[in-house]
Amino acid sequence: MQIETVTPYPKYPVLMYKDYDHVVKGIPMGWESSTLLIWIKELEKIDNVTVLDIGAYTGIYSLLAGKYGKQIDVIGFEPLEQISHRFGANIQLNQFPNTVMNFQMGLSNENSEVEINI
C-alpha cells in the first residue's frame, strides 16, 4: 500500500495510507480542506483536553489532533472493521506527543445493537 505524507498545513505532517482513501487524495485542495483548516486552528487554541472522534473513518481528524494539539489525548471510534483497521494502521505510521487510540465500535445514546449495511 502507498503511504502519503499529508501536509494540509505543514506544521506537523501526518502519514496516512492512501490506497482507496478519498479523504487523503483530497488534501489540501479537495475533500474537507476548509474543515481541516478550521480544525487545526481550533486545536492550536485548546489545551489539556480529550478529543472524541466519533465516526473517525480513517482518522484524519484524530491524527491531526494528535499532532497539532497541546496536551490533547484522542479517542477515535469507527465501527466498520476494515476502516477501523486502516485507522489503526494510520496511527501506527505516526509519532504523537500525546495518546491517540482507536476503538472499533459505534456510539449511541442507547444501549443496543444495530446492523450496518455497507
PDB file of N, CA and C in Angstrom:
ATOM      1  N   MET A   1       0.835  -1.182   0.000  1.00  0.00           N
ATOM      2  CA  MET A   1       0.000   0.000   0.000  1.00  0.00           C
ATOM      3  C   MET A   1       0.877   1.241   0.000  1.00  0.00           C
ATOM      4  N   GLN A   2       0.389   2.280  -0.645  1.00  0.00           N
ATOM      5  CA  GLN A   2       1.114   3.532  -0.684  1.00  0.00           C
ATOM      6  C   GLN A   2       0.875   4.323   0.595  1.00  0.00           C
ATOM      7  N   ILE A   3       1.906   5.024   1.033  1.00  0.00           N
ATOM      8  CA  ILE A   3       1.799   5.925   2.165  1.00  0.00           C
ATOM      9  C   ILE A   3       1.992   7.330   1.630  1.00  0.00           C
ATOM     10  N   GLU A   4       1.159   8.242   2.084  1.00  0.00           N
ATOM     11  CA  GLU A   4       1.284   9.630   1.671  1.00  0.00           C
ATOM     12  C   GLU A   4       1.518  10.499   2.892  1.00  0.00           C
ATOM     13  N   THR A   5       2.400  11.473   2.744  1.00  0.00           N
ATOM     14  CA  THR A   5       2.575  12.471   3.791  1.00  0.00           C
ATOM     15  C   THR A   5       1.527  13.542   3.571  1.00  0.00           C
ATOM     16  N   VAL A   6       0.634  13.673   4.519  1.00  0.00           N
ATOM     17  CA  VAL A   6      -0.451  14.629   4.424  1.00  0.00           C
ATOM     18  C   VAL A   6       0.006  15.916   5.100  1.00  0.00           C
ATOM     19  N   THR A   7       0.111  16.969   4.331  1.00  0.00           N
ATOM     20  CA  THR A   7       0.540  18.247   4.884  1.00  0.00           C
ATOM     21  C   THR A   7      -0.493  19.308   4.545  1.00  0.00           C
ATOM     22  N   PRO A   8      -1.672  19.212   5.153  1.00  0.00           N
ATOM     23  CA  PRO A   8      -2.686  20.199   4.821  1.00  0.00           C
ATOM     24  C   PRO A   8      -2.214  21.599   5.182  1.00  0.00           C
ATOM     25  N   TYR A   9      -1.517  21.700   6.252  1.00  0.00           N
ATOM     26  CA  TYR A   9      -0.941  22.944   6.724  1.00  0.00           C
ATOM     27  C   TYR A   9       0.304  22.461   7.443  1.00  0.00           C
ATOM     28  N   PRO A  10       1.483  22.579   6.811  1.00  0.00           N
ATOM     29  CA  PRO A  10       2.623  21.688   7.062  1.00  0.00           C
ATOM     30  C   PRO A  10       3.374  21.833   8.381  1.00  0.00           C
ATOM     31  N   LYS A  11       2.773  22.391   9.398  1.00  0.00           N
ATOM     32  CA  LYS A  11       3.473  22.499  10.673  1.00  0.00           C
ATOM     33  C   LYS A  11       3.887  21.117  11.174  1.00  0.00           C
ATOM     34  N   TYR A  12       2.949  20.167  11.164  1.00  0.00           N
ATOM     35  CA  TYR A  12       3.235  18.798  11.593  1.00  0.00           C
ATOM     36  C   TYR A  12       2.657  17.841  10.562  1.00  0.00           C
ATOM     37  N   PRO A  13       3.460  17.320   9.651  1.00  0.00           N
ATOM     38  CA  PRO A  13       2.920  16.384   8.650  1.00  0.00           C
ATOM     39  C   PRO A  13       2.370  15.116   9.298  1.00  0.00           C
ATOM     40  N   VAL A  14       1.381  14.557   8.667  1.00  0.00           N
ATOM     41  CA  VAL A  14       0.736  13.322   9.116  1.00  0.00           C
ATOM     42  C   VAL A  14       0.927  12.291   8.017  1.00  0.00           C
ATOM     43  N   LEU A  15       1.275  11.073   8.402  1.00  0.00           N
ATOM     44  CA  LEU A  15       1.380   9.978   7.437  1.00  0.00           C
ATOM     45  C   LEU A  15       0.085   9.179   7.440  1.00  0.00           C
ATOM     46  N   MET A  16      -0.386   8.832   6.244  1.00  0.00           N
ATOM     47  CA  MET A  16      -1.596   8.015   6.107  1.00  0.00           C
ATOM     48  C   MET A  16      -1.439   7.093   4.912  1.00  0.00           C
ATOM     49  N   TYR A  17      -1.997   5.882   5.043  1.00  0.00           N
ATOM     50  CA  TYR A  17      -2.117   5.024   3.874  1.00  0.00           C
ATOM     51  C   TYR A  17      -3.135   5.662   2.955  1.00  0.00           C
ATOM     52  N   LYS A  18      -2.828   5.753   1.677  1.00  0.00           N
ATOM     53  CA  LYS A  18      -3.724   6.483   0.785  1.00  0.00           C
ATOM     54  C   LYS A  18      -4.529   5.610  -0.161  1.00  0.00           C
ATOM     55  N   ASP A  19      -4.210   4.334  -0.288  1.00  0.00           N
ATOM     56  CA  ASP A  19      -4.951   3.494  -1.228  1.00  0.00           C
ATOM     57  C   ASP A  19      -6.444   3.524  -0.915  1.00  0.00           C
ATOM     58  N   TYR A  20      -7.225   3.892  -1.893  1.00  0.00           N
ATOM     59  CA  TYR A  20      -8.686   3.901  -1.813  1.00  0.00           C
ATOM     60  C   TYR A  20      -9.228   4.883  -0.782  1.00  0.00           C
ATOM     61  N   ASP A  21      -8.450   5.861  -0.368  1.00  0.00           N
ATOM     62  CA  ASP A  21      -8.918   6.807   0.639  1.00  0.00           C
ATOM     63  C   ASP A  21      -9.124   8.171  -0.005  1.00  0.00           C
ATOM     64  N   HIS A  22     -10.373   8.508  -0.283  1.00  0.00           N
ATOM     65  CA  HIS A  22     -10.675   9.770  -0.948  1.00  0.00           C
ATOM     66  C   HIS A  22     -10.365  10.971  -0.060  1.00  0.00           C
ATOM     67  N   VAL A  23     -10.338  10.797   1.233  1.00  0.00           N
ATOM     68  CA  VAL A  23     -10.009  11.914   2.120  1.00  0.00           C
ATOM     69  C   VAL A  23      -8.561  12.331   1.906  1.00  0.00           C
ATOM     70  N   VAL A  24      -7.642  11.372   1.899  1.00  0.00           N
ATOM     71  CA  VAL A  24      -6.231  11.697   1.707  1.00  0.00           C
ATOM     72  C   VAL A  24      -6.003  12.292   0.327  1.00  0.00           C
ATOM     73  N   LYS A  25      -6.615  11.704  -0.678  1.00  0.00           N
ATOM     74  CA  LYS A  25      -6.403  12.204  -2.043  1.00  0.00           C
ATOM     75  C   LYS A  25      -6.898  13.637  -2.208  1.00  0.00           C
ATOM     76  N   GLY A  26      -7.803  14.063  -1.360  1.00  0.00           N
ATOM     77  CA  GLY A  26      -8.367  15.403  -1.496  1.00  0.00           C
ATOM     78  C   GLY A  26      -7.638  16.480  -0.728  1.00  0.00           C
ATOM     79  N   ILE A  27      -6.636  16.153   0.025  1.00  0.00           N
ATOM     80  CA  ILE A  27      -5.937  17.156   0.824  1.00  0.00           C
ATOM     81  C   ILE A  27      -4.741  17.658   0.029  1.00  0.00           C
ATOM     82  N   PRO A  28      -4.446  18.931  -0.021  1.00  0.00           N
ATOM     83  CA  PRO A  28      -5.104  20.022   0.700  1.00  0.00           C
ATOM     84  C   PRO A  28      -6.148  20.770  -0.115  1.00  0.00           C
ATOM     85  N   MET A  29      -6.393  20.368  -1.335  1.00  0.00           N
ATOM     86  CA  MET A  29      -7.234  21.189  -2.201  1.00  0.00           C
ATOM     87  C   MET A  29      -8.664  20.670  -2.358  1.00  0.00           C
ATOM     88  N   GLY A  30      -8.995  19.528  -1.834  1.00  0.00           N
ATOM     89  CA  GLY A  30     -10.301  18.965  -2.136  1.00  0.00           C
ATOM     90  C   GLY A  30     -11.116  18.638  -0.914  1.00  0.00           C
ATOM     91  N   TRP A  31     -11.382  17.355  -0.737  1.00  0.00           N
ATOM     92  CA  TRP A  31     -12.258  16.868   0.324  1.00  0.00           C
ATOM     93  C   TRP A  31     -11.886  17.473   1.679  1.00  0.00           C
ATOM     94  N   GLU A  32     -12.812  18.109   2.287  1.00  0.00           N
ATOM     95  CA  GLU A  32     -12.711  18.577   3.663  1.00  0.00           C
ATOM     96  C   GLU A  32     -11.579  19.562   3.932  1.00  0.00           C
ATOM     97  N   SER A  33     -10.996  20.160   2.919  1.00  0.00           N
ATOM     98  CA  SER A  33      -9.842  21.032   3.153  1.00  0.00           C
ATOM     99  C   SER A  33     -10.191  22.235   4.020  1.00  0.00           C
ATOM    100  N   SER A  34     -11.336  22.862   3.795  1.00  0.00           N
ATOM    101  CA  SER A  34     -11.683  24.035   4.609  1.00  0.00           C
ATOM    102  C   SER A  34     -12.005  23.624   6.042  1.00  0.00           C
ATOM    103  N   THR A  35     -12.650  22.482   6.216  1.00  0.00           N
ATOM    104  CA  THR A  35     -12.963  21.999   7.562  1.00  0.00           C
ATOM    105  C   THR A  35     -11.691  21.640   8.316  1.00  0.00           C
ATOM    106  N   LEU A  36     -10.735  21.044   7.627  1.00  0.00           N
ATOM    107  CA  LEU A  36      -9.469  20.695   8.272  1.00  0.00           C
ATOM    108  C   LEU A  36      -8.701  21.932   8.711  1.00  0.00           C
ATOM    109  N   LEU A  37      -8.745  22.987   7.935  1.00  0.00           N
ATOM    110  CA  LEU A  37      -8.084  24.232   8.326  1.00  0.00           C
ATOM    111  C   LEU A  37      -8.712  24.791   9.603  1.00  0.00           C
ATOM    112  N   ILE A  38     -10.025  24.803   9.673  1.00  0.00           N
ATOM    113  CA  ILE A  38     -10.721  25.263  10.885  1.00  0.00           C
ATOM    114  C   ILE A  38     -10.350  24.376  12.064  1.00  0.00           C
ATOM    115  N   TRP A  39     -10.321  23.059  11.853  1.00  0.00           N
ATOM    116  CA  TRP A  39      -9.984  22.098  12.908  1.00  0.00           C
ATOM    117  C   TRP A  39      -8.595  22.378  13.481  1.00  0.00           C
ATOM    118  N   ILE A  40      -7.620  22.575  12.610  1.00  0.00           N
ATOM    119  CA  ILE A  40      -6.254  22.821  13.065  1.00  0.00           C
ATOM    120  C   ILE A  40      -6.162  24.136  13.842  1.00  0.00           C
ATOM    121  N   LYS A  41      -6.826  25.164  13.368  1.00  0.00           N
ATOM    122  CA  LYS A  41      -6.813  26.444  14.091  1.00  0.00           C
ATOM    123  C   LYS A  41      -7.420  26.295  15.478  1.00  0.00           C
ATOM    124  N   GLU A  42      -8.488  25.519  15.595  1.00  0.00           N
ATOM    125  CA  GLU A  42      -9.102  25.287  16.903  1.00  0.00           C
ATOM    126  C   GLU A  42      -8.197  24.452  17.806  1.00  0.00           C
ATOM    127  N   LEU A  43      -7.539  23.450  17.239  1.00  0.00           N
ATOM    128  CA  LEU A  43      -6.649  22.605  18.038  1.00  0.00           C
ATOM    129  C   LEU A  43      -5.507  23.410  18.640  1.00  0.00           C
ATOM    130  N   GLU A  44      -5.025  24.387  17.916  1.00  0.00           N
ATOM    131  CA  GLU A  44      -3.913  25.188  18.414  1.00  0.00           C
ATOM    132  C   GLU A  44      -4.327  26.107  19.561  1.00  0.00           C
ATOM    133  N   LYS A  45      -5.642  26.270  19.787  1.00  0.00           N
ATOM    134  CA  LYS A  45      -6.136  27.135  20.852  1.00  0.00           C
ATOM    135  C   LYS A  45      -6.422  26.380  22.149  1.00  0.00           C
ATOM    136  N   ILE A  46      -6.643  25.077  22.067  1.00  0.00           N
ATOM    137  CA  ILE A  46      -7.087  24.341  23.256  1.00  0.00           C
ATOM    138  C   ILE A  46      -5.941  23.543  23.875  1.00  0.00           C
ATOM    139  N   ASP A  47      -6.099  23.207  25.139  1.00  0.00           N
ATOM    140  CA  ASP A  47      -5.038  22.539  25.879  1.00  0.00           C
ATOM    141  C   ASP A  47      -5.663  21.667  26.969  1.00  0.00           C
ATOM    142  N   ASN A  48      -5.014  20.546  27.253  1.00  0.00           N
ATOM    143  CA  ASN A  48      -5.389  19.680  28.368  1.00  0.00           C
ATOM    144  C   ASN A  48      -6.828  19.171  28.273  1.00  0.00           C
ATOM    145  N   VAL A  49      -7.161  18.574  27.135  1.00  0.00           N
ATOM    146  CA  VAL A  49      -8.493  18.001  26.925  1.00  0.00           C
ATOM    147  C   VAL A  49      -8.367  16.625  26.277  1.00  0.00           C
ATOM    148  N   THR A  50      -9.471  15.919  26.251  1.00  0.00           N
ATOM    149  CA  THR A  50      -9.580  14.682  25.483  1.00  0.00           C
ATOM    150  C   THR A  50     -10.551  14.928  24.343  1.00  0.00           C
ATOM    151  N   VAL A  51     -10.127  14.621  23.134  1.00  0.00           N
ATOM    152  CA  VAL A  51     -10.955  14.779  21.941  1.00  0.00           C
ATOM    153  C   VAL A  51     -11.549  13.422  21.592  1.00  0.00           C
ATOM    154  N   LEU A  52     -12.855  13.380  21.335  1.00  0.00           N
ATOM    155  CA  LEU A  52     -13.524  12.177  20.862  1.00  0.00           C
ATOM    156  C   LEU A  52     -13.825  12.357  19.385  1.00  0.00           C
ATOM    157  N   ASP A  53     -13.369  11.420  18.568  1.00  0.00           N
ATOM    158  CA  ASP A  53     -13.640  11.436  17.132  1.00  0.00           C
ATOM    159  C   ASP A  53     -14.624  10.303  16.865  1.00  0.00           C
ATOM    160  N   ILE A  54     -15.890  10.652  16.763  1.00  0.00           N
ATOM    161  CA  ILE A  54     -16.958   9.658  16.637  1.00  0.00           C
ATOM    162  C   ILE A  54     -17.296   9.493  15.161  1.00  0.00           C
ATOM    163  N   GLY A  55     -17.101   8.260  14.668  1.00  0.00           N
ATOM    164  CA  GLY A  55     -17.210   8.012  13.231  1.00  0.00           C
ATOM    165  C   GLY A  55     -15.934   8.475  12.561  1.00  0.00           C
ATOM    166  N   ALA A  56     -14.812   8.002  13.052  1.00  0.00           N
ATOM    167  CA  ALA A  56     -13.489   8.523  12.704  1.00  0.00           C
ATOM    168  C   ALA A  56     -13.043   8.225  11.278  1.00  0.00           C
ATOM    169  N   TYR A  57     -13.675   7.268  10.624  1.00  0.00           N
ATOM    170  CA  TYR A  57     -13.260   6.833   9.296  1.00  0.00           C
ATOM    171  C   TYR A  57     -11.788   6.441   9.369  1.00  0.00           C
ATOM    172  N   THR A  58     -10.922   6.928   8.515  1.00  0.00           N
ATOM    173  CA  THR A  58      -9.513   6.520   8.560  1.00  0.00           C
ATOM    174  C   THR A  58      -8.670   7.406   9.464  1.00  0.00           C
ATOM    175  N   GLY A  59      -9.294   8.362  10.146  1.00  0.00           N
ATOM    176  CA  GLY A  59      -8.650   9.036  11.257  1.00  0.00           C
ATOM    177  C   GLY A  59      -8.012  10.384  11.030  1.00  0.00           C
ATOM    178  N   ILE A  60      -8.273  11.075   9.920  1.00  0.00           N
ATOM    179  CA  ILE A  60      -7.565  12.320   9.659  1.00  0.00           C
ATOM    180  C   ILE A  60      -7.747  13.333  10.780  1.00  0.00           C
ATOM    181  N   TYR A  61      -8.953  13.482  11.323  1.00  0.00           N
ATOM    182  CA  TYR A  61      -9.175  14.460  12.396  1.00  0.00           C
ATOM    183  C   TYR A  61      -8.460  14.030  13.679  1.00  0.00           C
ATOM    184  N   SER A  62      -8.471  12.746  13.968  1.00  0.00           N
ATOM    185  CA  SER A  62      -7.747  12.234  15.143  1.00  0.00           C
ATOM    186  C   SER A  62      -6.250  12.422  14.990  1.00  0.00           C
ATOM    187  N   LEU A  63      -5.731  12.097  13.817  1.00  0.00           N
ATOM    188  CA  LEU A  63      -4.296  12.218  13.584  1.00  0.00           C
ATOM    189  C   LEU A  63      -3.843  13.664  13.714  1.00  0.00           C
ATOM    190  N   LEU A  64      -4.606  14.574  13.157  1.00  0.00           N
ATOM    191  CA  LEU A  64      -4.260  15.989  13.272  1.00  0.00           C
ATOM    192  C   LEU A  64      -4.343  16.463  14.715  1.00  0.00           C
ATOM    193  N   ALA A  65      -5.351  16.006  15.445  1.00  0.00           N
ATOM    194  CA  ALA A  65      -5.457  16.384  16.862  1.00  0.00           C
ATOM    195  C   ALA A  65      -4.258  15.872  17.637  1.00  0.00           C
ATOM    196  N   GLY A  66      -3.820  14.670  17.327  1.00  0.00           N
ATOM    197  CA  GLY A  66      -2.654  14.105  17.999  1.00  0.00           C
ATOM    198  C   GLY A  66      -1.367  14.846  17.688  1.00  0.00           C
ATOM    199  N   LYS A  67      -1.282  15.436  16.516  1.00  0.00           N
ATOM    200  CA  LYS A  67      -0.074  16.163  16.115  1.00  0.00           C
ATOM    201  C   LYS A  67      -0.112  17.636  16.515  1.00  0.00           C
ATOM    202  N   TYR A  68      -1.248  18.278  16.319  1.00  0.00           N
ATOM    203  CA  TYR A  68      -1.327  19.723  16.492  1.00  0.00           C
ATOM    204  C   TYR A  68      -1.716  20.144  17.902  1.00  0.00           C
ATOM    205  N   GLY A  69      -2.396  19.295  18.619  1.00  0.00           N
ATOM    206  CA  GLY A  69      -2.909  19.702  19.916  1.00  0.00           C
ATOM    207  C   GLY A  69      -1.848  19.783  20.993  1.00  0.00           C
ATOM    208  N   LYS A  70      -2.087  20.643  21.954  1.00  0.00           N
ATOM    209  CA  LYS A  70      -1.229  20.747  23.124  1.00  0.00           C
ATOM    210  C   LYS A  70      -1.884  19.927  24.228  1.00  0.00           C
ATOM    211  N   GLN A  71      -1.209  18.944  24.736  1.00  0.00           N
ATOM    212  CA  GLN A  71      -1.761  18.115  25.813  1.00  0.00           C
ATOM    213  C   GLN A  71      -3.176  17.640  25.483  1.00  0.00           C
ATOM    214  N   ILE A  72      -3.336  17.111  24.277  1.00  0.00           N
ATOM    215  CA  ILE A  72      -4.635  16.581  23.849  1.00  0.00           C
ATOM    216  C   ILE A  72      -4.505  15.081  23.660  1.00  0.00           C
ATOM    217  N   ASP A  73      -5.320  14.326  24.379  1.00  0.00           N
ATOM    218  CA  ASP A  73      -5.431  12.892  24.126  1.00  0.00           C
ATOM    219  C   ASP A  73      -6.619  12.690  23.193  1.00  0.00           C
ATOM    220  N   VAL A  74      -6.511  11.692  22.312  1.00  0.00           N
ATOM    221  CA  VAL A  74      -7.529  11.479  21.284  1.00  0.00           C
ATOM    222  C   VAL A  74      -8.048  10.052  21.375  1.00  0.00           C
ATOM    223  N   ILE A  75      -9.373   9.930  21.358  1.00  0.00           N
ATOM    224  CA  ILE A  75     -10.017   8.616  21.320  1.00  0.00           C
ATOM    225  C   ILE A  75     -10.940   8.617  20.107  1.00  0.00           C
ATOM    226  N   GLY A  76     -10.631   7.748  19.143  1.00  0.00           N
ATOM    227  CA  GLY A  76     -11.431   7.649  17.929  1.00  0.00           C
ATOM    228  C   GLY A  76     -12.279   6.392  17.939  1.00  0.00           C
ATOM    229  N   PHE A  77     -13.468   6.492  17.373  1.00  0.00           N
ATOM    230  CA  PHE A  77     -14.408   5.374  17.286  1.00  0.00           C
ATOM    231  C   PHE A  77     -14.833   5.201  15.837  1.00  0.00           C
ATOM    232  N   GLU A  78     -14.611   4.005  15.301  1.00  0.00           N
ATOM    233  CA  GLU A  78     -15.027   3.681  13.935  1.00  0.00           C
ATOM    234  C   GLU A  78     -15.578   2.259  13.939  1.00  0.00           C
ATOM    235  N   PRO A  79     -16.876   2.086  13.643  1.00  0.00           N
ATOM    236  CA  PRO A  79     -17.492   0.761  13.786  1.00  0.00           C
ATOM    237  C   PRO A  79     -17.155  -0.241  12.676  1.00  0.00           C
ATOM    238  N   LEU A  80     -16.809   0.212  11.484  1.00  0.00           N
ATOM    239  CA  LEU A  80     -16.582  -0.715  10.379  1.00  0.00           C
ATOM    240  C   LEU A  80     -15.182  -1.324  10.469  1.00  0.00           C
ATOM    241  N   GLU A  81     -15.116  -2.635  10.463  1.00  0.00           N
ATOM    242  CA  GLU A  81     -13.867  -3.344  10.731  1.00  0.00           C
ATOM    243  C   GLU A  81     -12.719  -2.941   9.812  1.00  0.00           C
ATOM    244  N   GLN A  82     -12.939  -2.974   8.504  1.00  0.00           N
ATOM    245  CA  GLN A  82     -11.846  -2.662   7.573  1.00  0.00           C
ATOM    246  C   GLN A  82     -11.379  -1.217   7.702  1.00  0.00           C
ATOM    247  N   ILE A  83     -12.317  -0.319   7.904  1.00  0.00           N
ATOM    248  CA  ILE A  83     -11.958   1.092   8.025  1.00  0.00           C
ATOM    249  C   ILE A  83     -11.270   1.343   9.360  1.00  0.00           C
ATOM    250  N   SER A  84     -11.759   0.725  10.414  1.00  0.00           N
ATOM    251  CA  SER A  84     -11.120   0.856  11.719  1.00  0.00           C
ATOM    252  C   SER A  84      -9.697   0.307  11.677  1.00  0.00           C
ATOM    253  N   HIS A  85      -9.504  -0.776  10.943  1.00  0.00           N
ATOM    254  CA  HIS A  85      -8.161  -1.340  10.784  1.00  0.00           C
ATOM    255  C   HIS A  85      -7.234  -0.336  10.098  1.00  0.00           C
ATOM    256  N   ARG A  86      -7.732   0.335   9.061  1.00  0.00           N
ATOM    257  CA  ARG A  86      -6.935   1.355   8.368  1.00  0.00           C
ATOM    258  C   ARG A  86      -6.622   2.516   9.314  1.00  0.00           C
ATOM    259  N   PHE A  87      -7.590   2.920  10.114  1.00  0.00           N
ATOM    260  CA  PHE A  87      -7.371   3.980  11.093  1.00  0.00           C
ATOM    261  C   PHE A  87      -6.258   3.568  12.059  1.00  0.00           C
ATOM    262  N   GLY A  88      -6.308   2.336  12.549  1.00  0.00           N
ATOM    263  CA  GLY A  88      -5.251   1.842  13.444  1.00  0.00           C
ATOM    264  C   GLY A  88      -3.893   1.823  12.773  1.00  0.00           C
ATOM    265  N   ALA A  89      -3.858   1.428  11.508  1.00  0.00           N
ATOM    266  CA  ALA A  89      -2.593   1.421  10.762  1.00  0.00           C
ATOM    267  C   ALA A  89      -2.069   2.841  10.588  1.00  0.00           C
ATOM    268  N   ASN A  90      -2.968   3.792  10.349  1.00  0.00           N
ATOM    269  CA  ASN A  90      -2.551   5.186  10.218  1.00  0.00           C
ATOM    270  C   ASN A  90      -1.977   5.722  11.531  1.00  0.00           C
ATOM    271  N   ILE A  91      -2.535   5.304  12.644  1.00  0.00           N
ATOM    272  CA  ILE A  91      -1.985   5.698  13.949  1.00  0.00           C
ATOM    273  C   ILE A  91      -0.558   5.177  14.079  1.00  0.00           C
ATOM    274  N   GLN A  92      -0.350   3.915  13.688  1.00  0.00           N
ATOM    275  CA  GLN A  92       0.970   3.289  13.824  1.00  0.00           C
ATOM    276  C   GLN A  92       2.038   3.962  12.956  1.00  0.00           C
ATOM    277  N   LEU A  93       1.633   4.603  11.863  1.00  0.00           N
ATOM    278  CA  LEU A  93       2.583   5.271  10.980  1.00  0.00           C
ATOM    279  C   LEU A  93       3.184   6.544  11.598  1.00  0.00           C
ATOM    280  N   ASN A  94       2.534   7.085  12.601  1.00  0.00           N
ATOM    281  CA  ASN A  94       2.891   8.392  13.134  1.00  0.00           C
ATOM    282  C   ASN A  94       3.410   8.307  14.555  1.00  0.00           C
ATOM    283  N   GLN A  95       4.129   9.338  14.946  1.00  0.00           N
ATOM    284  CA  GLN A  95       4.551   9.509  16.330  1.00  0.00           C
ATOM    285  C   GLN A  95       3.811  10.719  16.884  1.00  0.00           C
ATOM    286  N   PHE A  96       3.249  10.564  18.057  1.00  0.00           N
ATOM    287  CA  PHE A  96       2.449  11.621  18.659  1.00  0.00           C
ATOM    288  C   PHE A  96       3.016  11.998  20.021  1.00  0.00           C
ATOM    289  N   PRO A  97       2.920  13.271  20.377  1.00  0.00           N
ATOM    290  CA  PRO A  97       3.336  13.669  21.722  1.00  0.00           C
ATOM    291  C   PRO A  97       2.327  13.240  22.780  1.00  0.00           C
ATOM    292  N   ASN A  98       1.109  12.933  22.357  1.00  0.00           N
ATOM    293  CA  ASN A  98       0.032  12.546  23.268  1.00  0.00           C
ATOM    294  C   ASN A  98      -0.540  11.201  22.838  1.00  0.00           C
ATOM    295  N   THR A  99      -1.532  10.727  23.550  1.00  0.00           N
ATOM    296  CA  THR A  99      -2.155   9.443  23.271  1.00  0.00           C
ATOM    297  C   THR A  99      -3.196   9.563  22.161  1.00  0.00           C
ATOM    298  N   VAL A 100      -3.127   8.661  21.181  1.00  0.00           N
ATOM    299  CA  VAL A 100      -4.147   8.556  20.137  1.00  0.00           C
ATOM    300  C   VAL A 100      -4.579   7.092  20.100  1.00  0.00           C
ATOM    301  N   MET A 101      -5.866   6.850  20.386  1.00  0.00           N
ATOM    302  CA  MET A 101      -6.395   5.481  20.444  1.00  0.00           C
ATOM    303  C   MET A 101      -7.550   5.322  19.465  1.00  0.00           C
ATOM    304  N   ASN A 102      -7.739   4.084  19.031  1.00  0.00           N
ATOM    305  CA  ASN A 102      -8.798   3.732  18.097  1.00  0.00           C
ATOM    306  C   ASN A 102      -9.598   2.574  18.677  1.00  0.00           C
ATOM    307  N   PHE A 103     -10.913   2.721  18.685  1.00  0.00           N
ATOM    308  CA  PHE A 103     -11.791   1.640  19.125  1.00  0.00           C
ATOM    309  C   PHE A 103     -12.750   1.306  17.996  1.00  0.00           C
ATOM    310  N   GLN A 104     -12.855   0.012  17.691  1.00  0.00           N
ATOM    311  CA  GLN A 104     -13.781  -0.424  16.650  1.00  0.00           C
ATOM    312  C   GLN A 104     -15.153  -0.589  17.277  1.00  0.00           C
ATOM    313  N   MET A 105     -15.908   0.477  17.298  1.00  0.00           N
ATOM    314  CA  MET A 105     -17.276   0.447  17.808  1.00  0.00           C
ATOM    315  C   MET A 105     -17.983   1.722  17.401  1.00  0.00           C
ATOM    316  N   GLY A 106     -19.281   1.640  17.360  1.00  0.00           N
ATOM    317  CA  GLY A 106     -20.096   2.823  17.138  1.00  0.00           C
ATOM    318  C   GLY A 106     -20.590   3.332  18.480  1.00  0.00           C
ATOM    319  N   LEU A 107     -20.983   4.565  18.517  1.00  0.00           N
ATOM    320  CA  LEU A 107     -21.504   5.154  19.744  1.00  0.00           C
ATOM    321  C   LEU A 107     -22.937   5.601  19.530  1.00  0.00           C
ATOM    322  N   SER A 108     -23.717   5.511  20.597  1.00  0.00           N
ATOM    323  CA  SER A 108     -25.115   5.897  20.534  1.00  0.00           C
ATOM    324  C   SER A 108     -25.565   6.362  21.909  1.00  0.00           C
ATOM    325  N   ASN A 109     -26.713   6.993  21.953  1.00  0.00           N
ATOM    326  CA  ASN A 109     -27.293   7.360  23.236  1.00  0.00           C
ATOM    327  C   ASN A 109     -28.159   6.239  23.808  1.00  0.00           C
ATOM    328  N   GLU A 110     -28.207   5.093  23.125  1.00  0.00           N
ATOM    329  CA  GLU A 110     -28.967   3.936  23.575  1.00  0.00           C
ATOM    330  C   GLU A 110     -28.061   2.717  23.617  1.00  0.00           C
ATOM    331  N   ASN A 111     -28.335   1.802  24.533  1.00  0.00           N
ATOM    332  CA  ASN A 111     -27.608   0.545  24.610  1.00  0.00           C
ATOM    333  C   ASN A 111     -28.318  -0.467  23.715  1.00  0.00           C
ATOM    334  N   SER A 112     -27.787  -0.665  22.511  1.00  0.00           N
ATOM    335  CA  SER A 112     -28.437  -1.573  21.571  1.00  0.00           C
ATOM    336  C   SER A 112     -27.421  -2.033  20.540  1.00  0.00           C
ATOM    337  N   GLU A 113     -27.836  -2.965  19.736  1.00  0.00           N
ATOM    338  CA  GLU A 113     -27.035  -3.408  18.599  1.00  0.00           C
ATOM    339  C   GLU A 113     -27.779  -3.043  17.332  1.00  0.00           C
ATOM    340  N   VAL A 114     -27.023  -2.664  16.306  1.00  0.00           N
ATOM    341  CA  VAL A 114     -27.615  -2.335  15.021  1.00  0.00           C
ATOM    342  C   VAL A 114     -26.848  -3.037  13.927  1.00  0.00           C
ATOM    343  N   GLU A 115     -27.491  -3.233  12.816  1.00  0.00           N
ATOM    344  CA  GLU A 115     -26.842  -3.801  11.644  1.00  0.00           C
ATOM    345  C   GLU A 115     -26.413  -2.650  10.745  1.00  0.00           C
ATOM    346  N   ILE A 116     -25.162  -2.683  10.314  1.00  0.00           N
ATOM    347  CA  ILE A 116     -24.653  -1.665   9.404  1.00  0.00           C
ATOM    348  C   ILE A 116     -24.522  -2.284   8.034  1.00  0.00           C
ATOM    349  N   ASN A 117     -25.189  -1.713   7.065  1.00  0.00           N
ATOM    350  CA  ASN A 117     -25.111  -2.195   5.688  1.00  0.00           C
ATOM    351  C   ASN A 117     -24.078  -1.386   4.933  1.00  0.00           C
ATOM    352  N   ILE A 118     -23.176  -2.078   4.253  1.00  0.00           N
ATOM    353  CA  ILE A 118     -22.133  -1.403   3.508  1.00  0.00           C
ATOM    354  C   ILE A 118     -22.441  -1.492   2.025  1.00  0.00           C
TER     355      ILE A 118
END
